Protein backbone atom coordinates (compact mmCIF):
# COMPACT_ATOMS: atom_id res chain seq x y z
CA MET A 1 -17.88 -30.84 13.29
CA ASN A 2 -13.74 -30.71 14.55
CA ASN A 3 -13.12 -29.09 11.04
CA LYS A 4 -15.71 -26.35 11.37
CA ILE A 5 -13.92 -26.00 15.17
CA ASN A 6 -10.44 -25.95 13.22
CA LYS A 7 -11.79 -23.43 10.62
CA LYS A 8 -13.50 -21.07 13.18
CA ILE A 9 -9.96 -21.44 15.27
CA ASN A 10 -7.98 -20.16 11.94
CA LYS A 11 -10.13 -17.49 11.31
CA TYR A 12 -9.87 -15.67 14.83
CA HIS A 13 -6.18 -16.67 14.99
CA PHE A 14 -5.84 -15.08 11.62
CA TRP A 15 -7.63 -11.71 12.75
CA ILE A 16 -5.35 -11.63 15.52
CA GLU A 17 -2.27 -12.37 13.54
CA SER A 18 -2.95 -9.92 11.27
CA ILE A 19 -3.85 -6.95 13.65
CA SER A 20 -0.46 -7.95 15.35
CA VAL A 21 1.58 -7.62 11.71
CA VAL A 22 -0.09 -3.94 11.88
CA TRP A 23 0.58 -2.83 15.32
CA LYS A 24 4.52 -3.79 14.73
CA VAL A 25 5.10 -2.27 11.44
CA ILE A 26 3.47 0.99 12.13
CA SER A 27 5.44 3.75 13.87
CA ARG A 28 5.93 4.76 17.98
CA GLN A 29 3.27 7.73 16.71
CA ARG A 30 0.79 6.19 15.48
CA LYS A 31 0.76 3.70 18.18
CA LEU A 32 0.26 6.88 20.85
CA GLN A 33 -2.62 8.21 18.48
CA PHE A 34 -4.21 4.94 18.58
CA ILE A 35 -4.19 4.68 22.21
CA THR A 36 -5.09 8.32 22.52
CA LEU A 37 -8.16 7.54 20.26
CA ILE A 38 -9.29 4.75 22.16
CA GLY A 39 -9.33 7.36 25.29
CA LEU A 40 -11.17 9.88 23.04
CA ASN A 41 -13.72 7.29 21.85
CA THR A 42 -14.56 6.65 25.81
CA PHE A 43 -14.91 10.01 27.08
CA SER A 44 -16.68 10.54 23.66
CA ALA A 45 -18.91 7.43 24.88
CA VAL A 46 -19.56 8.69 28.74
CA ALA A 47 -20.34 12.09 27.50
CA ASP A 48 -22.91 11.06 24.96
CA THR A 49 -24.18 8.86 27.66
CA LEU A 50 -24.41 11.87 30.27
CA SER A 51 -26.08 13.86 27.97
CA LEU A 52 -29.03 11.35 27.27
CA ALA A 53 -29.28 11.03 31.32
CA SER A 54 -30.05 14.20 31.83
CA LEU A 55 -32.58 14.67 29.55
CA ILE A 56 -34.45 12.53 32.58
CA PRO A 57 -34.20 15.07 35.00
CA PHE A 58 -34.96 18.08 32.23
CA LEU A 59 -38.29 16.64 31.06
CA GLY A 60 -39.39 15.44 34.50
CA PHE A 61 -38.89 18.64 35.89
CA LEU A 62 -41.06 20.22 32.99
CA LEU A 63 -43.60 17.69 33.84
CA ASN A 64 -43.53 17.81 37.58
CA PRO A 65 -40.91 20.14 39.42
CA GLU A 66 -42.05 19.19 43.05
CA LYS A 67 -40.97 15.41 42.73
CA VAL A 68 -37.91 16.21 40.49
CA THR A 69 -36.70 18.72 42.97
CA LYS A 70 -36.50 16.21 45.70
CA VAL A 71 -34.01 13.94 44.70
CA PHE A 72 -31.82 17.41 44.07
CA PRO A 73 -29.39 18.76 46.94
CA GLU A 74 -30.31 21.07 49.28
CA PHE A 75 -29.22 24.36 47.88
CA PHE A 76 -31.05 23.52 44.83
CA GLN A 77 -34.36 23.34 46.45
CA GLU A 78 -33.90 26.74 48.20
CA LEU A 79 -33.62 28.08 45.07
CA THR A 80 -36.65 29.99 43.01
CA TYR A 81 -38.50 28.23 40.25
CA SER A 82 -36.95 30.31 37.61
CA ASN A 83 -33.67 29.61 38.88
CA GLN A 84 -33.81 25.84 38.87
CA PHE A 85 -35.42 26.07 35.55
CA LEU A 86 -32.52 28.06 34.63
CA LEU A 87 -29.72 26.03 36.18
CA ILE A 88 -31.74 22.52 34.95
CA CYS A 89 -31.54 23.65 31.24
CA LEU A 90 -28.50 25.30 31.15
CA LEU A 91 -26.65 22.16 32.80
CA TYR A 92 -28.25 19.89 30.19
CA PHE A 93 -27.38 22.00 27.18
CA ILE A 94 -23.68 22.22 28.66
CA LEU A 95 -24.02 18.31 28.02
CA VAL A 96 -25.57 18.02 24.98
CA LEU A 97 -22.91 20.93 23.65
CA ILE A 98 -19.88 19.26 25.31
CA ALA A 99 -21.06 15.34 23.80
CA GLY A 100 -21.92 17.07 20.28
CA VAL A 101 -18.12 18.62 20.35
CA VAL A 102 -16.46 15.64 21.21
CA ARG A 103 -18.45 13.20 18.99
CA MET A 104 -17.13 15.75 16.45
CA ALA A 105 -13.88 16.04 17.36
CA ASN A 106 -13.73 11.91 18.01
CA LEU A 107 -15.23 11.82 14.12
CA TRP A 108 -12.60 14.21 12.57
CA ILE A 109 -9.68 12.64 14.59
CA ASN A 110 -11.03 8.98 13.89
CA ASN A 111 -10.80 9.44 10.14
CA LYS A 112 -7.57 11.26 10.14
CA ILE A 113 -6.04 8.65 12.06
CA SER A 114 -7.62 6.00 9.93
CA PHE A 115 -6.32 7.33 6.44
CA THR A 116 -2.94 8.24 8.00
CA LEU A 117 -2.01 4.80 8.95
CA GLY A 118 -3.52 3.65 5.68
CA SER A 119 -1.26 6.19 4.17
CA ASP A 120 1.83 4.73 6.46
CA ILE A 121 0.89 1.24 5.23
CA GLY A 122 1.28 1.84 1.66
CA ARG A 123 4.96 3.54 1.95
CA ILE A 124 5.56 0.14 4.31
CA ILE A 125 4.52 -1.90 0.97
CA PHE A 126 6.17 -0.08 -1.28
CA TYR A 127 9.68 0.33 0.37
CA LYS A 128 9.39 -3.36 1.33
CA THR A 129 8.89 -4.26 -2.45
CA ILE A 130 11.18 -1.74 -4.04
CA ASN A 131 13.87 -2.71 -1.35
CA SER A 132 13.34 -6.68 -1.32
CA GLY A 133 16.18 -7.14 -3.76
CA TYR A 134 16.26 -7.35 -7.39
CA ASN A 135 15.72 -11.26 -7.76
CA ASN A 136 12.02 -10.26 -5.67
CA ILE A 137 11.36 -7.24 -7.94
CA SER A 138 11.64 -8.87 -11.23
CA ARG A 139 9.01 -11.22 -10.63
CA VAL A 140 6.71 -8.92 -9.42
CA SER A 141 3.25 -8.07 -11.57
CA THR A 142 2.92 -5.02 -12.48
CA ASN A 143 -0.99 -4.94 -12.29
CA GLU A 144 -0.78 -6.69 -8.87
CA PHE A 145 1.53 -4.81 -7.72
CA VAL A 146 -0.20 -1.68 -8.62
CA ASP A 147 -3.64 -2.95 -7.38
CA THR A 148 -2.14 -4.03 -4.15
CA LEU A 149 -1.06 -0.31 -3.50
CA ILE A 150 -3.71 1.45 -4.55
CA LYS A 151 -7.11 -0.65 -4.34
CA LYS A 152 -6.18 -3.24 -1.92
CA ASN A 153 -4.36 -0.79 0.36
CA ASP A 154 -7.69 1.34 -0.07
CA ALA A 155 -9.54 -1.65 0.97
CA LEU A 156 -7.55 -2.12 3.88
CA VAL A 157 -8.37 1.30 5.42
CA SER A 158 -12.46 0.93 4.06
CA GLY A 159 -12.68 -2.33 4.79
CA GLY A 160 -9.95 -2.94 8.31
CA ILE A 161 -8.88 -0.26 9.69
CA ILE A 162 -12.09 2.32 9.61
CA PRO A 163 -14.49 -0.39 10.53
CA ILE A 164 -12.12 -1.40 13.58
CA VAL A 165 -12.19 2.45 14.43
CA GLN A 166 -15.94 2.40 14.04
CA LEU A 167 -16.63 -0.90 15.71
CA LEU A 168 -14.13 0.68 19.04
CA SER A 169 -16.13 4.02 18.62
CA SER A 170 -19.83 2.69 17.97
CA GLY A 171 -19.10 -0.32 20.57
CA LEU A 172 -18.17 1.67 23.40
CA ILE A 173 -21.48 4.17 22.54
CA VAL A 174 -23.38 0.53 22.71
CA ILE A 175 -22.21 -0.19 25.91
CA PHE A 176 -22.41 2.99 27.95
CA THR A 177 -25.47 3.45 26.85
CA VAL A 178 -27.45 -0.36 27.34
CA SER A 179 -25.33 0.64 30.88
CA LEU A 180 -27.77 3.59 31.85
CA LEU A 181 -31.03 2.20 30.16
CA LEU A 182 -30.06 -1.32 32.45
CA PHE A 183 -30.00 1.33 35.45
CA VAL A 184 -33.30 2.89 34.57
CA SER A 185 -35.62 -0.51 33.30
CA PRO A 186 -33.45 -3.87 32.84
CA ILE A 187 -36.15 -5.77 31.93
CA VAL A 188 -37.16 -3.84 28.92
CA THR A 189 -33.51 -2.72 28.00
CA LEU A 190 -32.48 -6.75 28.08
CA THR A 191 -35.54 -7.74 26.20
CA LEU A 192 -34.66 -4.91 23.44
CA ALA A 193 -31.45 -6.16 23.41
CA VAL A 194 -31.47 -9.62 22.92
CA PHE A 195 -34.33 -9.01 20.23
CA ILE A 196 -31.80 -5.98 18.41
CA VAL A 197 -28.88 -8.28 18.81
CA SER A 198 -30.68 -11.97 17.47
CA ILE A 199 -31.73 -9.73 14.72
CA TYR A 200 -28.10 -8.83 13.54
CA LEU A 201 -26.48 -12.22 14.29
CA ILE A 202 -29.26 -14.06 11.78
CA ILE A 203 -28.63 -11.56 9.31
CA LEU A 204 -24.95 -11.95 9.50
CA ILE A 205 -25.18 -15.91 9.55
CA LEU A 206 -27.50 -15.79 6.43
CA ASN A 207 -25.02 -13.31 4.33
CA ASN A 208 -21.76 -14.90 5.49
CA LYS A 209 -20.94 -17.30 2.79
CA LYS A 210 -22.07 -14.61 0.07
CA LEU A 211 -19.96 -12.08 1.69
CA LYS A 212 -17.32 -14.22 1.67
CA GLU A 213 -17.30 -15.14 -1.84
CA ASN A 214 -17.84 -11.64 -3.07
CA SER A 215 -14.59 -11.31 -1.09
CA TYR A 216 -12.36 -13.05 -3.48
CA PHE A 217 -14.13 -12.17 -6.61
CA LEU A 218 -13.87 -8.55 -5.52
CA SER A 219 -9.47 -9.40 -5.24
CA LYS A 220 -9.34 -11.10 -7.91
CA LYS A 221 -10.99 -8.66 -10.79
CA THR A 222 -9.88 -5.73 -9.72
CA SER A 223 -6.45 -7.34 -10.46
CA GLN A 224 -7.71 -8.45 -14.03
CA LEU A 225 -8.97 -4.75 -14.61
CA ILE A 226 -5.67 -3.29 -13.37
CA GLN A 227 -4.30 -5.70 -15.98
CA ILE A 228 -7.06 -4.70 -18.69
CA ILE A 229 -5.98 -1.15 -18.34
CA GLN A 230 -1.99 -1.75 -18.60
CA GLU A 231 -2.53 -3.96 -22.09
CA ALA A 232 -4.87 -1.10 -23.50
CA ILE A 233 -2.04 1.33 -22.93
CA ILE A 234 1.02 -1.19 -23.93
CA CYS A 235 -0.95 -2.34 -26.63
CA SER A 236 -2.00 0.94 -27.96
CA VAL A 237 -0.40 0.78 -31.47
CA GLU A 238 -2.03 -2.92 -32.00
CA ILE A 239 -5.03 -1.76 -30.95
CA THR A 240 -5.08 1.62 -33.42
CA ILE A 241 -4.00 -0.16 -36.31
CA TYR A 242 -6.44 -4.02 -35.59
CA LYS A 243 -9.33 -1.81 -35.13
CA LYS A 244 -9.79 -3.97 -31.59
CA GLN A 245 -11.15 -0.80 -29.52
CA LYS A 246 -14.57 -2.82 -29.18
CA PHE A 247 -12.85 -5.50 -28.13
CA PHE A 248 -10.63 -4.00 -25.48
CA THR A 249 -13.41 -1.97 -24.12
CA LYS A 250 -15.88 -4.88 -23.84
CA LYS A 251 -13.39 -6.63 -21.48
CA TYR A 252 -13.09 -3.65 -19.28
CA HIS A 253 -16.63 -3.39 -19.08
CA THR A 254 -17.66 -7.05 -18.46
CA ILE A 255 -15.27 -7.22 -15.46
CA ASP A 256 -16.15 -3.64 -14.36
CA LEU A 257 -19.79 -4.45 -14.46
CA LEU A 258 -18.99 -7.24 -12.47
CA LEU A 259 -17.24 -5.17 -9.48
CA ARG A 260 -19.87 -2.74 -9.38
CA GLU A 261 -22.31 -5.53 -8.83
CA LEU A 262 -20.64 -7.25 -6.15
CA GLU A 263 -20.15 -3.57 -4.19
CA ALA A 264 -23.92 -2.86 -4.83
CA GLN A 265 -24.57 -6.37 -3.12
CA ASN A 266 -22.10 -5.77 -0.60
CA GLN A 267 -23.67 -2.42 0.51
CA PHE A 268 -27.04 -3.82 0.62
CA HIS A 269 -26.18 -6.02 2.81
CA MET A 270 -24.40 -3.72 5.04
CA HIS A 271 -27.28 -0.94 5.27
CA SER A 272 -30.68 -3.11 4.70
CA PRO A 273 -31.21 -4.00 8.46
CA LYS A 274 -30.77 -0.02 9.43
CA ILE A 275 -34.44 0.14 7.67
CA GLY A 276 -36.19 -2.82 9.42
CA LEU A 277 -34.96 -2.09 12.62
CA GLU A 278 -35.82 2.00 12.64
CA ILE A 279 -39.48 0.65 11.60
CA ILE A 280 -39.34 -1.55 14.22
CA GLY A 281 -38.00 0.35 16.97
CA ILE A 282 -40.70 3.69 15.99
CA LEU A 283 -43.26 0.85 16.49
CA LEU A 284 -41.92 -0.26 20.12
CA ILE A 285 -41.97 2.81 21.18
CA ALA A 286 -45.85 3.29 19.96
CA VAL A 287 -47.00 -0.04 21.63
CA THR A 288 -44.89 0.75 24.88
CA ALA A 289 -46.67 4.15 25.00
CA ILE A 290 -50.05 2.55 24.60
CA TYR A 291 -49.50 -0.27 26.64
CA PHE A 292 -48.15 2.44 29.65
CA HIS A 293 -51.68 4.39 28.57
CA ILE A 294 -53.94 1.38 28.97
CA GLN A 295 -52.34 -0.46 32.36
CA VAL A 296 -51.92 2.86 34.17
CA GLY A 297 -54.15 5.32 32.57
CA GLU A 298 -51.73 7.89 33.35
CA ILE A 299 -48.94 8.53 31.18
CA THR A 300 -47.47 11.81 32.16
CA ALA A 301 -45.13 10.41 34.82
CA TYR A 302 -43.48 7.98 31.82
CA ILE A 303 -42.87 10.56 29.52
CA PRO A 304 -39.42 11.32 30.67
CA LEU A 305 -38.79 7.16 30.45
CA LEU A 306 -40.45 7.13 27.11
CA ALA A 307 -38.26 9.96 25.71
CA THR A 308 -35.21 8.28 27.05
CA PHE A 309 -35.80 5.19 25.59
CA ALA A 310 -36.56 6.95 22.50
CA LEU A 311 -33.42 9.01 22.46
CA ALA A 312 -31.36 6.10 23.29
CA ALA A 313 -32.94 4.07 20.51
CA GLN A 314 -32.10 7.14 18.31
CA ARG A 315 -28.56 7.03 19.44
CA LEU A 316 -28.24 3.12 19.79
CA LEU A 317 -29.81 2.29 15.95
CA PRO A 318 -26.91 4.07 14.04
CA ASN A 319 -24.53 3.09 16.02
CA LEU A 320 -25.39 -0.81 16.32
CA GLN A 321 -25.61 -0.52 12.28
CA GLN A 322 -22.30 1.17 12.21
CA ILE A 323 -21.15 -2.09 14.15
CA TYR A 324 -22.66 -4.48 12.02
CA ALA A 325 -21.47 -2.25 8.70
CA ALA A 326 -18.14 -2.61 10.08
CA ILE A 327 -18.24 -6.58 10.06
CA ILE A 328 -19.66 -6.59 6.95
CA ASN A 329 -17.03 -4.49 5.55
CA ILE A 330 -14.25 -6.70 7.32
CA ARG A 331 -15.64 -9.80 6.20
CA SER A 332 -16.40 -8.79 2.27
CA ARG A 333 -13.26 -7.96 2.12
CA ALA A 334 -11.47 -10.71 3.91
CA ALA A 335 -9.31 -12.07 0.79
CA VAL A 336 -8.02 -8.47 -0.25
CA LEU A 337 -6.85 -7.81 3.58
CA GLU A 338 -4.86 -11.34 3.75
CA ILE A 339 -3.08 -10.45 0.74
CA VAL A 340 -2.45 -6.60 2.24
CA ILE A 341 -1.30 -8.37 5.81
CA ASN A 342 1.20 -10.83 3.69
CA HIS A 343 2.79 -7.70 2.24
CA LEU A 344 3.17 -6.52 5.67
CA ARG A 345 4.95 -9.77 6.89
CA PRO A 346 8.95 -9.69 7.80
CA ASN A 347 10.65 -10.51 4.23
CA PRO A 348 12.28 -13.80 4.81
CA PRO A 349 16.51 -13.22 5.22
CA GLN A 350 18.15 -13.53 1.50
CA LEU A 351 19.82 -16.62 1.13
CA THR A 352 23.43 -16.38 0.32
CA ASN A 353 26.49 -18.92 0.55
CA ILE A 354 28.64 -16.53 2.27
CA LYS A 355 29.07 -16.64 5.85
CA ASN A 356 31.06 -13.38 6.29
CA SER A 357 31.66 -10.37 3.86
CA LYS A 358 33.35 -7.05 4.61
CA ASN A 359 32.51 -3.43 3.56
CA LEU A 360 33.90 -3.23 -0.40
CA LYS A 361 36.09 -0.33 -1.34
CA SER A 362 35.40 2.62 -3.95
CA ASN A 363 39.05 2.38 -5.11
CA TRP A 364 38.82 -1.29 -6.27
CA TYR A 365 41.00 -2.47 -8.91
CA GLN A 366 39.84 -6.13 -9.79
CA ILE A 367 36.62 -8.27 -10.30
CA LYS A 368 37.36 -12.09 -10.11
CA PHE A 369 34.75 -15.08 -10.72
CA GLU A 370 36.22 -18.60 -8.85
CA ASN A 371 33.99 -21.38 -9.60
CA ILE A 372 30.67 -20.15 -10.36
CA GLU A 373 27.60 -21.44 -11.11
CA PHE A 374 24.48 -20.52 -11.09
CA LYS A 375 20.81 -21.94 -12.11
CA TYR A 376 17.52 -20.02 -12.14
CA GLU A 377 15.28 -21.91 -9.64
CA GLU A 378 12.24 -22.51 -12.54
CA GLN A 379 15.29 -24.46 -14.93
CA ASN A 380 16.17 -27.97 -14.45
CA PHE A 381 19.93 -26.82 -15.59
CA ALA A 382 22.96 -24.50 -15.02
CA THR A 383 22.63 -21.26 -17.16
CA LEU A 384 26.31 -20.71 -16.01
CA LYS A 385 28.64 -23.55 -15.31
CA LYS A 386 32.06 -23.51 -13.51
CA ILE A 387 32.92 -19.53 -14.42
CA ASN A 388 36.47 -18.70 -13.77
CA LEU A 389 36.85 -14.79 -14.24
CA THR A 390 38.94 -11.96 -13.96
CA ILE A 391 38.07 -8.12 -14.74
CA ASN A 392 40.77 -5.81 -14.16
CA ARG A 393 40.02 -1.83 -13.49
CA GLY A 394 39.80 0.11 -16.48
CA ASP A 395 39.20 -3.15 -18.82
CA ARG A 396 37.00 -2.30 -21.95
CA ILE A 397 35.69 -5.92 -22.15
CA GLY A 398 33.03 -7.38 -24.82
CA ILE A 399 30.91 -9.90 -24.09
CA TYR A 400 28.75 -11.42 -27.12
CA GLY A 401 27.49 -15.24 -27.63
CA THR A 402 24.39 -16.84 -28.68
CA ALA A 403 20.79 -15.80 -27.36
CA GLY A 404 19.71 -17.53 -23.87
CA GLY A 405 23.84 -18.49 -23.69
CA GLY A 406 23.97 -16.41 -20.60
CA LYS A 407 25.34 -13.21 -21.41
CA THR A 408 23.14 -11.19 -19.05
CA THR A 409 23.05 -13.06 -16.45
CA LEU A 410 26.99 -12.92 -16.06
CA ALA A 411 26.42 -9.26 -16.17
CA LYS A 412 23.86 -9.29 -13.63
CA ILE A 413 26.19 -11.34 -11.15
CA ILE A 414 29.29 -8.98 -11.71
CA MET A 415 26.60 -6.32 -10.52
CA GLY A 416 25.13 -8.01 -7.58
CA LEU A 417 21.61 -8.68 -8.65
CA GLU A 418 21.75 -12.33 -8.94
CA ILE A 419 23.55 -14.57 -6.39
CA PRO A 420 25.61 -17.45 -7.89
CA THR A 421 24.51 -20.62 -6.77
CA PHE A 422 27.87 -22.20 -6.27
CA GLY A 423 31.15 -20.17 -5.88
CA HIS A 424 32.16 -16.89 -5.14
CA LEU A 425 32.36 -13.17 -6.34
CA TYR A 426 35.37 -11.38 -5.19
CA ILE A 427 36.05 -7.83 -5.64
CA ASP A 428 40.04 -7.43 -4.55
CA ASN A 429 40.11 -10.76 -2.72
CA GLU A 430 37.04 -10.01 -0.46
CA ILE A 431 33.74 -12.39 -1.17
CA CYS A 432 31.00 -10.07 -2.56
CA SER A 433 27.37 -11.12 -1.38
CA GLY A 434 24.30 -10.03 -0.29
CA LEU A 435 25.59 -8.57 2.70
CA ASN A 436 27.76 -5.87 0.75
CA PHE A 437 26.42 -5.40 -2.30
CA PRO A 438 24.73 -2.03 -1.41
CA ASP A 439 28.73 -1.16 -1.17
CA TRP A 440 29.21 -2.68 -4.87
CA TYR A 441 25.92 -0.80 -6.13
CA SER A 442 27.42 2.78 -5.41
CA GLN A 443 30.36 1.86 -7.72
CA LEU A 444 28.11 0.60 -10.76
CA ALA A 445 26.02 1.77 -13.47
CA TYR A 446 23.99 -0.24 -15.58
CA VAL A 447 22.56 1.34 -18.93
CA PRO A 448 20.29 -0.93 -21.20
CA GLN A 449 18.77 -0.60 -24.83
CA SER A 450 15.67 0.99 -23.64
CA ILE A 451 16.66 3.43 -20.68
CA PRO A 452 14.14 3.75 -17.90
CA LEU A 453 12.99 7.42 -17.89
CA LEU A 454 10.72 9.17 -15.05
CA ASN A 455 7.96 11.11 -16.70
CA ALA A 456 10.24 14.38 -15.52
CA SER A 457 12.64 16.97 -16.89
CA ILE A 458 16.33 16.07 -17.91
CA ILE A 459 17.75 17.49 -15.12
CA ASN A 460 15.61 15.28 -12.68
CA ASN A 461 16.47 11.84 -14.99
CA ILE A 462 20.00 12.66 -14.80
CA ALA A 463 20.62 13.21 -11.31
CA PHE A 464 18.72 9.88 -10.98
CA GLY A 465 16.56 9.80 -7.28
CA GLU A 466 17.88 12.78 -6.03
CA ALA A 467 15.33 15.43 -4.25
CA GLU A 468 15.50 19.05 -6.05
CA LEU A 469 17.69 20.44 -3.16
CA GLU A 470 20.57 17.85 -3.54
CA ILE A 471 21.16 17.77 -6.94
CA ASP A 472 24.48 19.10 -8.27
CA ILE A 473 23.53 21.24 -11.01
CA GLU A 474 26.97 21.47 -12.42
CA SER A 475 27.63 18.25 -12.02
CA VAL A 476 24.49 17.43 -13.91
CA LYS A 477 25.73 19.71 -17.02
CA LYS A 478 29.29 18.37 -16.95
CA ALA A 479 28.16 14.83 -17.43
CA ALA A 480 25.61 15.93 -20.08
CA GLU A 481 28.54 17.54 -21.66
CA ASP A 482 30.99 14.35 -21.44
CA VAL A 483 28.45 12.23 -23.28
CA ARG A 484 27.98 15.33 -26.09
CA PHE A 485 23.84 15.49 -24.59
CA ALA A 486 24.75 19.47 -24.08
CA ASP A 487 24.06 20.69 -26.95
CA ASP A 488 20.97 18.77 -27.84
CA ILE A 489 19.71 19.75 -24.48
CA GLN A 490 19.92 23.45 -25.42
CA LYS A 491 17.71 22.41 -28.46
CA LEU A 492 15.10 22.03 -26.03
CA PRO A 493 11.92 23.82 -25.48
CA ASN A 494 12.86 24.30 -21.73
CA SER A 495 16.70 23.65 -21.77
CA TYR A 496 17.65 21.24 -18.79
CA ASP A 497 13.84 21.80 -17.33
CA THR A 498 12.27 20.36 -20.25
CA LEU A 499 10.18 17.41 -19.41
CA VAL A 500 11.19 13.67 -21.05
CA GLY A 501 7.62 12.79 -21.52
CA GLU A 502 6.12 8.99 -20.50
CA PHE A 503 8.74 6.97 -20.92
CA GLY A 504 10.54 9.00 -22.89
CA ASN A 505 9.09 9.92 -25.48
CA LYS A 506 9.60 13.35 -26.53
CA LEU A 507 13.37 12.21 -26.97
CA SER A 508 14.74 10.31 -29.65
CA GLY A 509 16.67 6.65 -29.41
CA GLY A 510 20.08 8.43 -29.90
CA GLN A 511 19.13 10.79 -26.70
CA LYS A 512 18.06 8.49 -24.55
CA LEU A 513 20.91 6.39 -24.63
CA LYS A 514 23.16 10.04 -24.08
CA LEU A 515 20.81 10.90 -21.25
CA GLY A 516 21.33 7.14 -19.69
CA LEU A 517 25.12 7.65 -19.80
CA ALA A 518 24.78 11.14 -18.21
CA ARG A 519 22.80 9.50 -15.15
CA ALA A 520 26.01 6.67 -15.33
CA LEU A 521 29.05 9.44 -15.12
CA TYR A 522 26.79 12.06 -12.77
CA ARG A 523 26.95 8.95 -9.97
CA LYS A 524 30.56 8.47 -10.82
CA ALA A 525 29.98 4.97 -11.72
CA LYS A 526 33.52 3.20 -11.69
CA LEU A 527 32.22 -0.22 -13.72
CA LEU A 528 30.04 1.02 -16.66
CA VAL A 529 27.24 -2.29 -17.94
CA LEU A 530 26.09 -1.40 -21.60
CA ASP A 531 23.47 -4.34 -22.43
CA GLU A 532 22.79 -4.53 -26.21
CA TYR A 533 22.69 -0.30 -25.80
CA THR A 534 23.19 -0.02 -29.66
CA GLY A 535 20.24 -2.25 -30.49
CA ALA A 536 17.79 0.09 -31.12
CA LEU A 537 19.90 2.97 -32.74
CA ASP A 538 20.80 3.74 -36.89
CA LYS A 539 23.97 3.04 -37.64
CA ASP A 540 25.38 6.95 -37.77
CA THR A 541 23.84 7.24 -34.15
CA GLU A 542 25.48 3.90 -32.94
CA GLY A 543 28.32 5.28 -34.71
CA GLU A 544 28.50 8.88 -32.79
CA ILE A 545 27.69 6.72 -28.95
CA VAL A 546 30.20 3.98 -29.60
CA ASN A 547 33.20 7.23 -29.83
CA VAL A 548 31.38 8.95 -26.55
CA ILE A 549 32.13 5.82 -24.92
CA LYS A 550 35.33 5.17 -26.63
CA ASN A 551 36.74 8.81 -25.06
CA LEU A 552 35.17 8.14 -21.12
CA SER A 553 37.99 8.16 -18.27
CA LYS A 554 40.44 4.98 -18.79
CA ASP A 555 39.54 4.74 -14.62
CA ILE A 556 35.92 3.61 -15.75
CA THR A 557 35.62 0.00 -16.53
CA ILE A 558 33.24 -1.10 -19.22
CA LEU A 559 31.34 -4.00 -20.16
CA ILE A 560 29.44 -4.25 -23.30
CA ILE A 561 26.97 -7.04 -24.18
CA SER A 562 26.12 -7.17 -27.65
CA HIS A 563 25.38 -9.38 -30.83
CA ARG A 564 27.35 -6.39 -33.30
CA PRO A 565 30.87 -5.95 -33.43
CA GLU A 566 30.85 -2.23 -34.04
CA ALA A 567 29.38 -1.78 -30.53
CA MET A 568 32.57 -3.47 -29.26
CA GLU A 569 35.15 -1.93 -31.46
CA PHE A 570 36.85 -0.47 -29.24
CA CYS A 571 37.11 -3.21 -26.72
CA GLU A 572 40.23 -4.48 -25.69
CA LYS A 573 38.82 -7.98 -24.43
CA PHE A 574 36.40 -10.45 -25.43
CA ILE A 575 34.36 -13.10 -23.66
CA ARG A 576 32.27 -15.35 -25.78
CA VAL A 577 29.69 -17.03 -23.72
CA ASP A 578 28.36 -20.20 -25.16
CA GLN A 579 25.73 -22.40 -23.58
CA GLY A 580 26.83 -21.49 -19.83
CA SER A 581 30.48 -21.42 -20.36
CA ILE A 582 33.29 -18.65 -21.74
CA ILE A 583 35.86 -18.06 -23.85
CA ASN A 584 38.47 -15.55 -23.48
CA LEU A 585 39.83 -14.02 -26.38
CA ASN A 586 41.93 -10.94 -27.40
CA GLU A 587 39.24 -10.18 -30.15
CA TYR A 588 36.36 -10.69 -31.38
CA LYS A 589 35.36 -13.95 -33.52
CA SER A 590 32.38 -15.02 -34.46
């Protein structure tokens, strides 16, 4: 019993905390819009109730004008019948028109704010993820990230934000309409309210377990579906050669079909009560009319009351159904919503063994390792051990050694992508830590074997991440000329405006590498790290690229990680990394 109570408390605590998390991350403008939305929904509910209330005098006047006019002010009673009729009709039509216009505006604003809020949340999650530091980004599963941003964020809108807005809107209409009906006929209203609410609660309790199961399956299988799509694209060559199209299609179809079946179940649970209640509502009105006819005989006097209840039912049932559907929506996407909410929570502070750090200067002259050790969390041994190393501005250093010996890890620490487990990295005697990495990032450029390229123009790829109006075209062209890429660009169909294609598939390996080098020069990097940069090049192209790098400004410090002596032939110093230790050399030794 206590476990059930604790589970319920934890469930409600989660929803309250989730609303709190979303409220904290959204902008002040969105908060004001949401508060305005509450006011508009309240006004809409009041207008709707007034239009419904006006039906009673309108029909009453048509059936028994003498009786109705007695309840109106004296000036109304002095009017002729035609003017009275015209005034009541006009009043009724105005109230109905106002209620309709307000409801239409309310619908548009509800959806507008809901989807805009969903876009804001997607932007926040995207920025938080790519700004969470290299350590965190490198551990992100691509398919889960895509799934969260697209599918799960859509689920947050359709299964969280919109249902909450619907609960607010429909809830207010139900409250005001029921209040009116209580004033008109308390006993009938209470009886019907208890009956209808009981039906919805019973259905909700019966479906609760199934909805919870569907929620977790939807979350899990959606990620799997995106993973299959990514694998099919990445493995397109193997799929074609090995003729595995049917295998991958079957995997895709199996999961996609299951997802659609789960959605179909949720939709059935969501909308099925409406049909039953509509039938019950019609029968109740008919039974009530028969009751008045048998008991009273003359039913004319009760027509306004019956019409009011009929119209109220026509308003209430869709809104009650919306409330029920909103609860079903939230329940059926609980697991998905939990994942999105977790992405919105504040990132834990990045741990560092540094207490104080100062801003780094752009005209630095020395990088120094002091007793640096590094161990990955998932390993029980140190990748780097007691590293002491000095790199001076303008050095050309070749880093080589056995596979898995720590070469790339050494470069990542230099670039500030990894934080030493022990020891310090100094830039001109200033400690470089998580606090001043942004200063350091602006000083360096990284060129890996596989250059990450945008499916955009040559210009956009060289001026990586800059808005069109901010790009310095002359600097782009100069960078391309300095790495001997300008002639290649001129031969392309649209010169610098040529699209490189997805992953740069319209460029050769050498052209991609030159583009990567041009990107480094465009950002005026003072430290250039080249990681196995010639690994995918033929001998002639490798020689051309090596000459380009060799002739770069002596003000640029160059670190080359490679297993090929030819790629490091112009280096003045060499560092051999073996099993986490380094050996400083003046020449390459295998």
